[in-house]
Amino acid sequence: MRTTLDIPEGLLSEAMKVTQARTKTEVIKFALENIIQKNKLQELKNYRGKIKLDINLDILRNRH
């Protein structure tokens, strides 16, 4: 999909250096993927301590 964006050149240049992206498209894709991943991790963290798991790790790891 083609989209026209007004991104400050300095910001884009710095992001390309930091990520070692070769193209503007590559750095934009990288940024979007990181935003999505960060959001998914935060959603998982919200469940911390709220799910009761009755798991015996020794059995799962085949320990006797």
Protein backbone atom coordinates (compact mmCIF):
# COMPACT_ATOMS: atom_id res chain seq x y z
CA MET A 1 0.00 0.00 0.00
CA ARG A 2 1.37 3.39 -0.90
CA THR A 3 1.02 6.19 1.63
CA THR A 4 2.41 9.69 1.75
CA LEU A 5 3.87 10.63 5.13
CA ASP A 6 5.43 13.82 6.45
CA ILE A 7 8.24 12.51 8.66
CA PRO A 8 11.01 14.79 9.91
CA GLU A 9 14.14 13.93 7.92
CA GLY A 10 16.39 13.96 11.00
CA LEU A 11 14.14 11.52 12.83
CA LEU A 12 14.02 9.17 9.86
CA SER A 13 17.79 9.38 9.31
CA GLU A 14 18.53 8.62 12.96
CA ALA A 15 16.09 5.69 12.97
CA MET A 16 17.76 4.29 9.84
CA LYS A 17 21.20 4.53 11.48
CA VAL A 18 20.04 2.93 14.73
CA THR A 19 18.24 0.06 13.01
CA GLN A 20 20.74 -0.22 10.15
CA ALA A 21 17.79 -0.17 7.77
CA ARG A 22 18.74 0.30 4.13
CA THR A 23 15.47 1.88 3.01
CA LYS A 24 12.82 4.18 4.42
CA THR A 25 10.24 1.44 3.91
CA GLU A 26 12.35 -1.00 5.90
CA VAL A 27 12.69 1.35 8.88
CA ILE A 28 8.94 2.13 8.88
CA LYS A 29 8.09 -1.60 8.81
CA PHE A 30 10.58 -2.20 11.63
CA ALA A 31 9.01 0.55 13.73
CA LEU A 32 5.46 -0.69 13.18
CA GLU A 33 6.42 -4.29 14.02
CA ASN A 34 8.10 -3.10 17.23
CA ILE A 35 5.05 -1.07 18.26
CA ILE A 36 2.82 -4.11 17.76
CA GLN A 37 5.21 -6.42 19.63
CA LYS A 38 5.53 -3.98 22.54
CA ASN A 39 1.74 -3.72 22.80
CA LYS A 40 1.29 -7.52 22.78
CA LEU A 41 3.93 -7.92 25.51
CA GLN A 42 2.18 -5.31 27.63
CA GLU A 43 -1.13 -7.13 27.20
CA LEU A 44 0.52 -10.36 28.40
CA LYS A 45 2.06 -8.58 31.40
CA ASN A 46 -1.41 -7.45 32.44
CA TYR A 47 -2.25 -11.12 33.13
CA ARG A 48 0.66 -11.56 35.55
CA GLY A 49 -0.61 -13.10 38.75
CA LYS A 50 -4.17 -13.40 37.49
CA ILE A 51 -4.04 -16.85 35.94
CA LYS A 52 -3.82 -19.89 38.20
CA LEU A 53 -1.70 -22.59 36.61
CA ASP A 54 -1.57 -25.96 38.30
CA ILE A 55 1.58 -27.21 36.59
CA ASN A 56 4.20 -29.59 37.92
CA LEU A 57 7.40 -28.56 36.16
CA ASP A 58 9.22 -31.75 37.18
CA ILE A 59 6.64 -33.86 35.32
CA LEU A 60 6.77 -31.56 32.30
CA ARG A 61 10.55 -31.83 32.21
CA ASN A 62 10.44 -35.63 32.72
CA ARG A 63 12.31 -35.45 36.00
CA HIS A 64 11.90 -38.14 38.61
